[in-house]
């Protein structure tokens, strides 16, 4: 497997994708913005199809559409039930329209396209060294910005009202985070596909937060789990005819189930020790 350059590039790209998705997904789950992540992931498909139609690399289409969708979500009004309903309605409408545009772009493209299946469900074939360098640059930029805003972003994610009262720019941090999420989503879409990128963003982070409540430990676990499931998915997909996105999603789901099961067992074991002794019990 390692004798093929395209597999070496796939593992390099997969590692970069896992690091970016694990870190951004951890904050996404903490901030309860999974729906925003799903929205940004969905528009990657028309972005890739549009890029193919224009004759440029699909990577640019992923990044352009995902970041643009993140900016649109960041510009929507916040606060209040009415604003939340309006945001959901606009997001759903934009999703449906852009998905239809994606299928239109693939129909208009008369050349050799990698296929709708690979765009939707991922493929490790055809990842070039240029795409790996692009992913490296994007991952480094995303992690650098995330490190710069990490502490105030964590504060604003845990308690936005108190953070705003202490002078933290909550709205600006939310916009920056959504743009970073768009870049991370565009990265992961090139491995898992646009429909399954959501799994790589959510499940490793959710599993890590179930394993540890300490932010630093949980964040590190999210990155490690994302990298492990990505490597396992690429390895199994190499020896089978099925999309890599299926395997990455399956292994990520298994990690989440195991983490939740382990947490449940730990809580059941610790619960008797925390219960008070009955009256007249042993001293």
C-alpha atoms as a PDB file:
ATOM      1  CA  UNK A   1       0.000   0.000   0.000  1.00  0.00           C
ATOM      2  CA  UNK A   2       2.792   2.447   0.855  1.00  0.00           C
ATOM      3  CA  UNK A   3       4.459   1.800  -2.513  1.00  0.00           C
ATOM      4  CA  UNK A   4       1.818   3.865  -4.309  1.00  0.00           C
ATOM      5  CA  UNK A   5       2.326   7.659  -4.298  1.00  0.00           C
ATOM      6  CA  UNK A   6      -1.418   8.317  -4.332  1.00  0.00           C
ATOM      7  CA  UNK A   7      -1.796   6.373  -1.070  1.00  0.00           C
ATOM      8  CA  UNK A   8       1.069   8.258   0.525  1.00  0.00           C
ATOM      9  CA  UNK A   9      -0.626  11.521  -0.469  1.00  0.00           C
ATOM     10  CA  UNK A  10      -3.937  10.181   0.837  1.00  0.00           C
ATOM     11  CA  UNK A  11      -2.474   9.472   4.274  1.00  0.00           C
ATOM     12  CA  UNK A  12      -0.725  12.842   4.361  1.00  0.00           C
ATOM     13  CA  UNK A  13      -3.926  14.630   3.402  1.00  0.00           C
ATOM     14  CA  UNK A  14      -5.967  12.491   5.787  1.00  0.00           C
ATOM     15  CA  UNK A  15      -3.710  13.347   8.707  1.00  0.00           C
ATOM     16  CA  UNK A  16      -3.990  17.071   7.996  1.00  0.00           C
ATOM     17  CA  UNK A  17      -7.752  16.776   7.620  1.00  0.00           C
ATOM     18  CA  UNK A  18      -8.053  14.866  10.900  1.00  0.00           C
ATOM     19  CA  UNK A  19      -6.048  17.455  12.836  1.00  0.00           C
ATOM     20  CA  UNK A  20      -8.102  20.360  11.495  1.00  0.00           C
ATOM     21  CA  UNK A  21     -11.462  18.602  11.829  1.00  0.00           C
ATOM     22  CA  UNK A  22     -10.691  17.298  15.310  1.00  0.00           C
ATOM     23  CA  UNK A  23      -9.742  20.708  16.690  1.00  0.00           C
ATOM     24  CA  UNK A  24     -12.559  22.628  14.998  1.00  0.00           C
ATOM     25  CA  UNK A  25     -15.106  19.909  15.708  1.00  0.00           C
ATOM     26  CA  UNK A  26     -14.307  20.046  19.420  1.00  0.00           C
ATOM     27  CA  UNK A  27     -15.240  23.723  19.573  1.00  0.00           C
ATOM     28  CA  UNK A  28     -18.234  23.152  17.288  1.00  0.00           C
ATOM     29  CA  UNK A  29     -19.703  20.518  19.617  1.00  0.00           C
ATOM     30  CA  UNK A  30     -18.915  22.645  22.668  1.00  0.00           C
ATOM     31  CA  UNK A  31     -20.656  25.656  21.108  1.00  0.00           C
ATOM     32  CA  UNK A  32     -23.654  23.532  20.005  1.00  0.00           C
ATOM     33  CA  UNK A  33     -23.239  24.646  16.390  1.00  0.00           C
ATOM     34  CA  UNK A  34     -23.523  21.236  14.781  1.00  0.00           C
ATOM     35  CA  UNK A  35     -26.315  22.449  12.494  1.00  0.00           C
ATOM     36  CA  UNK A  36     -24.038  25.192  11.223  1.00  0.00           C
ATOM     37  CA  UNK A  37     -21.359  22.591  10.540  1.00  0.00           C
ATOM     38  CA  UNK A  38     -23.850  20.480   8.603  1.00  0.00           C
ATOM     39  CA  UNK A  39     -24.885  23.503   6.548  1.00  0.00           C
ATOM     40  CA  UNK A  40     -21.325  24.438   5.682  1.00  0.00           C
ATOM     41  CA  UNK A  41     -20.535  20.839   4.775  1.00  0.00           C
ATOM     42  CA  UNK A  42     -23.514  20.530   2.436  1.00  0.00           C
ATOM     43  CA  UNK A  43     -22.510  23.424   0.196  1.00  0.00           C
ATOM     44  CA  UNK A  44     -19.138  21.818  -0.492  1.00  0.00           C
ATOM     45  CA  UNK A  45     -20.755  19.610  -3.132  1.00  0.00           C
ATOM     46  CA  UNK A  46     -21.941  22.436  -5.420  1.00  0.00           C
ATOM     47  CA  UNK A  47     -18.617  24.164  -4.803  1.00  0.00           C
ATOM     48  CA  UNK A  48     -16.633  21.172  -6.066  1.00  0.00           C
ATOM     49  CA  UNK A  49     -18.988  20.691  -9.009  1.00  0.00           C
ATOM     50  CA  UNK A  50     -18.761  24.378  -9.932  1.00  0.00           C
ATOM     51  CA  UNK A  51     -14.969  24.263  -9.796  1.00  0.00           C
ATOM     52  CA  UNK A  52     -14.937  21.261 -12.133  1.00  0.00           C
ATOM     53  CA  UNK A  53     -17.262  23.100 -14.496  1.00  0.00           C
ATOM     54  CA  UNK A  54     -14.965  26.139 -14.521  1.00  0.00           C
ATOM     55  CA  UNK A  55     -11.898  24.002 -15.110  1.00  0.00           C
ATOM     56  CA  UNK A  56     -10.111  24.670 -11.813  1.00  0.00           C
ATOM     57  CA  UNK A  57      -9.165  22.357  -8.959  1.00  0.00           C
ATOM     58  CA  UNK A  58     -12.121  21.108  -6.923  1.00  0.00           C
ATOM     59  CA  UNK A  59     -10.192  22.111  -3.792  1.00  0.00           C
ATOM     60  CA  UNK A  60     -10.776  25.771  -4.612  1.00  0.00           C
ATOM     61  CA  UNK A  61     -14.478  25.088  -5.049  1.00  0.00           C
ATOM     62  CA  UNK A  62     -14.691  23.402  -1.677  1.00  0.00           C
ATOM     63  CA  UNK A  63     -12.967  26.279   0.099  1.00  0.00           C
ATOM     64  CA  UNK A  64     -14.785  29.075  -1.749  1.00  0.00           C
ATOM     65  CA  UNK A  65     -18.297  27.741  -1.160  1.00  0.00           C
ATOM     66  CA  UNK A  66     -17.745  26.500   2.413  1.00  0.00           C
ATOM     67  CA  UNK A  67     -16.166  29.765   3.578  1.00  0.00           C
ATOM     68  CA  UNK A  68     -18.850  31.794   1.770  1.00  0.00           C
ATOM     69  CA  UNK A  69     -21.568  29.756   3.508  1.00  0.00           C
ATOM     70  CA  UNK A  70     -19.850  30.348   6.863  1.00  0.00           C
ATOM     71  CA  UNK A  71     -19.865  34.105   6.211  1.00  0.00           C
ATOM     72  CA  UNK A  72     -23.581  34.016   5.350  1.00  0.00           C
ATOM     73  CA  UNK A  73     -24.379  32.159   8.581  1.00  0.00           C
ATOM     74  CA  UNK A  74     -22.245  34.600  10.576  1.00  0.00           C
ATOM     75  CA  UNK A  75     -24.139  37.559   9.052  1.00  0.00           C
ATOM     76  CA  UNK A  76     -27.550  36.225  10.129  1.00  0.00           C
ATOM     77  CA  UNK A  77     -29.178  37.952  13.124  1.00  0.00           C
ATOM     78  CA  UNK A  78     -28.858  36.284  16.497  1.00  0.00           C
ATOM     79  CA  UNK A  79     -31.068  36.277  19.540  1.00  0.00           C
ATOM     80  CA  UNK A  80     -34.729  35.534  20.104  1.00  0.00           C
ATOM     81  CA  UNK A  81     -36.980  32.729  18.970  1.00  0.00           C
ATOM     82  CA  UNK A  82     -38.146  34.621  15.884  1.00  0.00           C
ATOM     83  CA  UNK A  83     -34.577  35.264  14.749  1.00  0.00           C
ATOM     84  CA  UNK A  84     -33.708  31.626  15.284  1.00  0.00           C
ATOM     85  CA  UNK A  85     -36.661  30.489  13.192  1.00  0.00           C
ATOM     86  CA  UNK A  86     -35.749  32.924  10.420  1.00  0.00           C
ATOM     87  CA  UNK A  87     -32.156  31.671  10.470  1.00  0.00           C
ATOM     88  CA  UNK A  88     -33.261  28.040  10.159  1.00  0.00           C
ATOM     89  CA  UNK A  89     -35.630  28.844   7.299  1.00  0.00           C
ATOM     90  CA  UNK A  90     -33.000  30.791   5.361  1.00  0.00           C
ATOM     91  CA  UNK A  91     -30.368  28.101   5.972  1.00  0.00           C
ATOM     92  CA  UNK A  92     -32.667  25.318   4.771  1.00  0.00           C
ATOM     93  CA  UNK A  93     -33.634  27.268   1.666  1.00  0.00           C
ATOM     94  CA  UNK A  94     -30.025  27.996   0.763  1.00  0.00           C
ATOM     95  CA  UNK A  95     -29.083  24.340   1.332  1.00  0.00           C
ATOM     96  CA  UNK A  96     -31.794  23.050  -1.010  1.00  0.00           C
ATOM     97  CA  UNK A  97     -30.966  25.610  -3.709  1.00  0.00           C
ATOM     98  CA  UNK A  98     -27.227  24.966  -3.643  1.00  0.00           C
ATOM     99  CA  UNK A  99     -27.670  21.190  -3.715  1.00  0.00           C
ATOM    100  CA  UNK A 100     -29.821  21.608  -6.817  1.00  0.00           C
ATOM    101  CA  UNK A 101     -27.106  23.840  -8.296  1.00  0.00           C
ATOM    102  CA  UNK A 102     -24.548  21.111  -7.589  1.00  0.00           C
ATOM    103  CA  UNK A 103     -26.460  18.571  -9.642  1.00  0.00           C
ATOM    104  CA  UNK A 104     -26.935  21.175 -12.374  1.00  0.00           C
ATOM    105  CA  UNK A 105     -23.174  21.814 -12.482  1.00  0.00           C
ATOM    106  CA  UNK A 106     -22.431  18.095 -12.766  1.00  0.00           C
ATOM    107  CA  UNK A 107     -24.947  17.800 -15.617  1.00  0.00           C
ATOM    108  CA  UNK A 108     -23.475  20.766 -17.499  1.00  0.00           C
ATOM    109  CA  UNK A 109     -19.955  19.403 -17.158  1.00  0.00           C
ATOM    110  CA  UNK A 110     -19.313  17.206 -20.199  1.00  0.00           C
ATOM    111  CA  UNK A 111     -15.746  16.171 -19.399  1.00  0.00           C
ATOM    112  CA  UNK A 112     -14.375  13.417 -17.177  1.00  0.00           C
ATOM    113  CA  UNK A 113     -15.710  14.148 -13.702  1.00  0.00           C
ATOM    114  CA  UNK A 114     -14.710  12.045 -10.711  1.00  0.00           C
ATOM    115  CA  UNK A 115     -18.375  11.248 -10.233  1.00  0.00           C
ATOM    116  CA  UNK A 116     -21.130  12.502  -7.994  1.00  0.00           C
ATOM    117  CA  UNK A 117     -20.508   9.575  -5.630  1.00  0.00           C
ATOM    118  CA  UNK A 118     -16.904  10.595  -4.952  1.00  0.00           C
ATOM    119  CA  UNK A 119     -17.934  14.202  -4.339  1.00  0.00           C
ATOM    120  CA  UNK A 120     -20.674  13.154  -1.940  1.00  0.00           C
ATOM    121  CA  UNK A 121     -19.035  10.212  -0.179  1.00  0.00           C
ATOM    122  CA  UNK A 122     -15.320  10.833  -0.599  1.00  0.00           C
ATOM    123  CA  UNK A 123     -12.402   9.198  -2.377  1.00  0.00           C
ATOM    124  CA  UNK A 124      -8.677   8.906  -1.728  1.00  0.00           C
ATOM    125  CA  UNK A 125      -7.897   8.493  -5.429  1.00  0.00           C
ATOM    126  CA  UNK A 126      -6.293  11.371  -7.269  1.00  0.00           C
ATOM    127  CA  UNK A 127      -5.057  13.387  -4.282  1.00  0.00           C
ATOM    128  CA  UNK A 128      -2.056  15.226  -5.660  1.00  0.00           C
ATOM    129  CA  UNK A 129       1.003  16.631  -3.929  1.00  0.00           C
ATOM    130  CA  UNK A 130      -0.283  20.116  -4.720  1.00  0.00           C
ATOM    131  CA  UNK A 131      -3.506  19.400  -2.827  1.00  0.00           C
ATOM    132  CA  UNK A 132      -1.491  18.113   0.125  1.00  0.00           C
ATOM    133  CA  UNK A 133       0.516  21.345   0.241  1.00  0.00           C
ATOM    134  CA  UNK A 134      -2.715  23.346   0.028  1.00  0.00           C
ATOM    135  CA  UNK A 135      -4.190  21.348   2.906  1.00  0.00           C
ATOM    136  CA  UNK A 136      -1.004  21.893   4.917  1.00  0.00           C
ATOM    137  CA  UNK A 137      -1.193  25.646   4.406  1.00  0.00           C
ATOM    138  CA  UNK A 138      -4.877  25.789   5.330  1.00  0.00           C
ATOM    139  CA  UNK A 139      -4.444  23.555   8.383  1.00  0.00           C
ATOM    140  CA  UNK A 140      -1.522  25.633   9.641  1.00  0.00           C
ATOM    141  CA  UNK A 141      -3.487  28.867   9.160  1.00  0.00           C
ATOM    142  CA  UNK A 142      -6.604  27.464  10.862  1.00  0.00           C
ATOM    143  CA  UNK A 143      -4.660  26.154  13.855  1.00  0.00           C
ATOM    144  CA  UNK A 144      -2.672  29.389  14.174  1.00  0.00           C
ATOM    145  CA  UNK A 145      -5.819  31.520  14.286  1.00  0.00           C
ATOM    146  CA  UNK A 146      -7.538  29.034  16.589  1.00  0.00           C
ATOM    147  CA  UNK A 147      -4.586  29.158  18.982  1.00  0.00           C
ATOM    148  CA  UNK A 148      -4.689  32.963  18.972  1.00  0.00           C
ATOM    149  CA  UNK A 149      -8.408  33.152  19.832  1.00  0.00           C
ATOM    150  CA  UNK A 150      -8.650  29.872  21.746  1.00  0.00           C
ATOM    151  CA  UNK A 151      -8.947  31.198  25.300  1.00  0.00           C
ATOM    152  CA  UNK A 152     -11.564  33.912  24.671  1.00  0.00           C
ATOM    153  CA  UNK A 153     -13.390  31.551  22.281  1.00  0.00           C
ATOM    154  CA  UNK A 154     -13.560  28.904  25.014  1.00  0.00           C
ATOM    155  CA  UNK A 155     -14.903  31.502  27.458  1.00  0.00           C
ATOM    156  CA  UNK A 156     -17.492  32.705  24.945  1.00  0.00           C
ATOM    157  CA  UNK A 157     -18.484  29.113  24.135  1.00  0.00           C
ATOM    158  CA  UNK A 158     -19.065  28.084  27.757  1.00  0.00           C
ATOM    159  CA  UNK A 159     -20.943  31.219  28.890  1.00  0.00           C
ATOM    160  CA  UNK A 160     -21.499  33.828  26.142  1.00  0.00           C
ATOM    161  CA  UNK A 161     -23.510  36.199  28.360  1.00  0.00           C
ATOM    162  CA  UNK A 162     -20.843  36.438  31.051  1.00  0.00           C
ATOM    163  CA  UNK A 163     -18.131  36.695  28.382  1.00  0.00           C
ATOM    164  CA  UNK A 164     -19.967  39.596  26.723  1.00  0.00           C
ATOM    165  CA  UNK A 165     -20.282  41.282  30.121  1.00  0.00           C
ATOM    166  CA  UNK A 166     -16.534  40.974  30.624  1.00  0.00           C
ATOM    167  CA  UNK A 167     -15.872  42.707  27.304  1.00  0.00           C
ATOM    168  CA  UNK A 168     -15.157  39.646  25.156  1.00  0.00           C
ATOM    169  CA  UNK A 169     -16.160  40.307  21.488  1.00  0.00           C
ATOM    170  CA  UNK A 170     -18.549  37.352  21.319  1.00  0.00           C
ATOM    171  CA  UNK A 171     -20.082  38.204  17.936  1.00  0.00           C
ATOM    172  CA  UNK A 172     -16.693  38.759  16.277  1.00  0.00           C
ATOM    173  CA  UNK A 173     -15.343  35.519  17.734  1.00  0.00           C
ATOM    174  CA  UNK A 174     -18.392  33.681  16.421  1.00  0.00           C
ATOM    175  CA  UNK A 175     -17.767  35.016  12.909  1.00  0.00           C
ATOM    176  CA  UNK A 176     -14.071  34.075  13.056  1.00  0.00           C
ATOM    177  CA  UNK A 177     -14.931  30.611  14.298  1.00  0.00           C
ATOM    178  CA  UNK A 178     -17.462  30.027  11.507  1.00  0.00           C
ATOM    179  CA  UNK A 179     -14.905  31.020   8.872  1.00  0.00           C
ATOM    180  CA  UNK A 180     -12.386  28.615  10.405  1.00  0.00           C
ATOM    181  CA  UNK A 181     -15.096  25.953  10.480  1.00  0.00           C
ATOM    182  CA  UNK A 182     -15.738  26.548   6.787  1.00  0.00           C
ATOM    183  CA  UNK A 183     -12.047  26.043   6.003  1.00  0.00           C
ATOM    184  CA  UNK A 184     -11.858  22.869   8.116  1.00  0.00           C
ATOM    185  CA  UNK A 185     -15.022  21.539   6.486  1.00  0.00           C
ATOM    186  CA  UNK A 186     -13.618  22.171   3.012  1.00  0.00           C
ATOM    187  CA  UNK A 187     -10.516  20.231   4.049  1.00  0.00           C
ATOM    188  CA  UNK A 188     -12.370  17.218   5.357  1.00  0.00           C
ATOM    189  CA  UNK A 189     -14.761  17.111   2.389  1.00  0.00           C
ATOM    190  CA  UNK A 190     -11.902  16.058   0.131  1.00  0.00           C
ATOM    191  CA  UNK A 191     -11.490  12.827   2.115  1.00  0.00           C
ATOM    192  CA  UNK A 192     -14.966  11.993   3.447  1.00  0.00           C
ATOM    193  CA  UNK A 193     -17.120  13.728   0.829  1.00  0.00           C
ATOM    194  CA  UNK A 194     -19.560  16.533   1.481  1.00  0.00           C
ATOM    195  CA  UNK A 195     -22.307  14.392   2.999  1.00  0.00           C
ATOM    196  CA  UNK A 196     -20.112  12.555   5.520  1.00  0.00           C
ATOM    197  CA  UNK A 197     -17.730  15.333   6.558  1.00  0.00           C
ATOM    198  CA  UNK A 198     -20.158  16.082   9.346  1.00  0.00           C
ATOM    199  CA  UNK A 199     -19.255  12.746  10.959  1.00  0.00           C
ATOM    200  CA  UNK A 200     -15.544  13.559  11.138  1.00  0.00           C
ATOM    201  CA  UNK A 201     -16.314  16.934  12.684  1.00  0.00           C
ATOM    202  CA  UNK A 202     -18.842  15.752  15.258  1.00  0.00           C
ATOM    203  CA  UNK A 203     -18.192  12.193  16.400  1.00  0.00           C
ATOM    204  CA  UNK A 204     -14.498  12.352  17.407  1.00  0.00           C
ATOM    205  CA  UNK A 205     -15.193  15.571  19.313  1.00  0.00           C
ATOM    206  CA  UNK A 206     -18.305  14.159  20.994  1.00  0.00           C
ATOM    207  CA  UNK A 207     -16.412  10.985  21.929  1.00  0.00           C
ATOM    208  CA  UNK A 208     -13.523  12.998  23.363  1.00  0.00           C
ATOM    209  CA  UNK A 209     -15.835  15.178  25.465  1.00  0.00           C
ATOM    210  CA  UNK A 210     -17.485  12.036  26.819  1.00  0.00           C
ATOM    211  CA  UNK A 211     -14.084  10.673  27.850  1.00  0.00           C
ATOM    212  CA  UNK A 212     -12.754  13.770  29.602  1.00  0.00           C
ATOM    213  CA  UNK A 213     -14.170  17.040  30.905  1.00  0.00           C
ATOM    214  CA  UNK A 214     -10.765  18.764  30.932  1.00  0.00           C
ATOM    215  CA  UNK A 215     -10.548  21.037  27.871  1.00  0.00           C
ATOM    216  CA  UNK A 216      -6.903  20.385  26.991  1.00  0.00           C
ATOM    217  CA  UNK A 217      -7.184  16.610  27.378  1.00  0.00           C
ATOM    218  CA  UNK A 218     -10.505  16.458  25.562  1.00  0.00           C
ATOM    219  CA  UNK A 219      -9.221  18.548  22.653  1.00  0.00           C
ATOM    220  CA  UNK A 220      -6.148  16.346  22.285  1.00  0.00           C
ATOM    221  CA  UNK A 221      -8.319  13.221  22.372  1.00  0.00           C
ATOM    222  CA  UNK A 222     -10.567  14.640  19.645  1.00  0.00           C
ATOM    223  CA  UNK A 223      -7.583  15.113  17.336  1.00  0.00           C
ATOM    224  CA  UNK A 224      -6.179  11.648  18.129  1.00  0.00           C
ATOM    225  CA  UNK A 225      -9.533   9.931  17.557  1.00  0.00           C
ATOM    226  CA  UNK A 226     -10.051  11.792  14.279  1.00  0.00           C
ATOM    227  CA  UNK A 227      -6.581  10.776  13.092  1.00  0.00           C
ATOM    228  CA  UNK A 228      -7.088   7.155  14.148  1.00  0.00           C
ATOM    229  CA  UNK A 229     -10.431   6.743  12.375  1.00  0.00           C
ATOM    230  CA  UNK A 230      -9.100   8.477   9.253  1.00  0.00           C
ATOM    231  CA  UNK A 231      -6.056   6.202   9.027  1.00  0.00           C
ATOM    232  CA  UNK A 232      -8.197   3.138   9.703  1.00  0.00           C
ATOM    233  CA  UNK A 233     -10.731   4.231   7.085  1.00  0.00           C
ATOM    234  CA  UNK A 234      -8.066   4.811   4.444  1.00  0.00           C
ATOM    235  CA  UNK A 235      -6.438   1.456   5.146  1.00  0.00           C
ATOM    236  CA  UNK A 236      -9.657  -0.551   4.930  1.00  0.00           C
ATOM    237  CA  UNK A 237     -10.891   1.396   1.893  1.00  0.00           C
ATOM    238  CA  UNK A 238      -7.683   0.516   0.036  1.00  0.00           C
ATOM    239  CA  UNK A 239      -8.531  -3.179   0.296  1.00  0.00           C
ATOM    240  CA  UNK A 240     -12.234  -2.807  -0.562  1.00  0.00           C
ATOM    241  CA  UNK A 241     -14.321  -1.290  -3.383  1.00  0.00           C
ATOM    242  CA  UNK A 242     -16.382   0.954  -1.110  1.00  0.00           C
ATOM    243  CA  UNK A 243     -15.973   4.705  -0.447  1.00  0.00           C
ATOM    244  CA  UNK A 244     -13.547   5.797   2.250  1.00  0.00           C
ATOM    245  CA  UNK A 245     -16.190   8.074   3.747  1.00  0.00           C
ATOM    246  CA  UNK A 246     -18.271   5.078   4.794  1.00  0.00           C
ATOM    247  CA  UNK A 247     -15.413   3.542   6.737  1.00  0.00           C
ATOM    248  CA  UNK A 248     -14.341   6.801   8.357  1.00  0.00           C
ATOM    249  CA  UNK A 249     -17.920   7.406   9.478  1.00  0.00           C
ATOM    250  CA  UNK A 250     -18.330   3.838  10.749  1.00  0.00           C
ATOM    251  CA  UNK A 251     -15.120   3.892  12.792  1.00  0.00           C
ATOM    252  CA  UNK A 252     -15.966   7.339  14.173  1.00  0.00           C
ATOM    253  CA  UNK A 253     -19.410   6.108  15.202  1.00  0.00           C
ATOM    254  CA  UNK A 254     -17.855   3.078  16.884  1.00  0.00           C
ATOM    255  CA  UNK A 255     -15.478   5.362  18.813  1.00  0.00           C
ATOM    256  CA  UNK A 256     -18.420   7.473  19.958  1.00  0.00           C
ATOM    257  CA  UNK A 257     -20.465   4.440  21.068  1.00  0.00           C
ATOM    258  CA  UNK A 258     -17.503   3.006  22.966  1.00  0.00           C
ATOM    259  CA  UNK A 259     -16.797   6.333  24.684  1.00  0.00           C
ATOM    260  CA  UNK A 260     -20.431   6.765  25.744  1.00  0.00           C
ATOM    261  CA  UNK A 261     -20.570   3.162  26.917  1.00  0.00           C
ATOM    262  CA  UNK A 262     -17.377   3.582  28.906  1.00  0.00           C
ATOM    263  CA  UNK A 263     -18.694   6.754  30.511  1.00  0.00           C
ATOM    264  CA  UNK A 264     -21.941   5.009  31.445  1.00  0.00           C
ATOM    265  CA  UNK A 265     -20.046   2.131  33.055  1.00  0.00           C
ATOM    266  CA  UNK A 266     -17.809   4.521  35.004  1.00  0.00           C
ATOM    267  CA  UNK A 267     -20.837   6.444  36.272  1.00  0.00           C
ATOM    268  CA  UNK A 268     -22.600   3.244  37.330  1.00  0.00           C
ATOM    269  CA  UNK A 269     -19.505   2.076  39.199  1.00  0.00           C
ATOM    270  CA  UNK A 270     -18.963   5.425  40.914  1.00  0.00           C
ATOM    271  CA  UNK A 271     -22.617   5.969  41.848  1.00  0.00           C
ATOM    272  CA  UNK A 272     -22.759   3.551  44.847  1.00  0.00           C
ATOM    273  CA  UNK A 273     -19.720   5.209  46.377  1.00  0.00           C
ATOM    274  CA  UNK A 274     -21.447   8.600  46.221  1.00  0.00           C
ATOM    275  CA  UNK A 275     -24.764   7.474  47.686  1.00  0.00           C
ATOM    276  CA  UNK A 276     -25.224   8.175  51.431  1.00  0.00           C
ATOM    277  CA  UNK A 277     -25.295   5.263  53.837  1.00  0.00           C
ATOM    278  CA  UNK A 278     -28.770   4.338  55.155  1.00  0.00           C
ATOM    279  CA  UNK A 279     -29.720   5.268  58.716  1.00  0.00           C
ATOM    280  CA  UNK A 280     -28.302   2.791  61.209  1.00  0.00           C
ATOM    281  CA  UNK A 281     -25.752   1.559  58.681  1.00  0.00           C
ATOM    282  CA  UNK A 282     -22.257   0.474  59.444  1.00  0.00           C
ATOM    283  CA  UNK A 283     -19.972   3.109  60.877  1.00  0.00           C
END
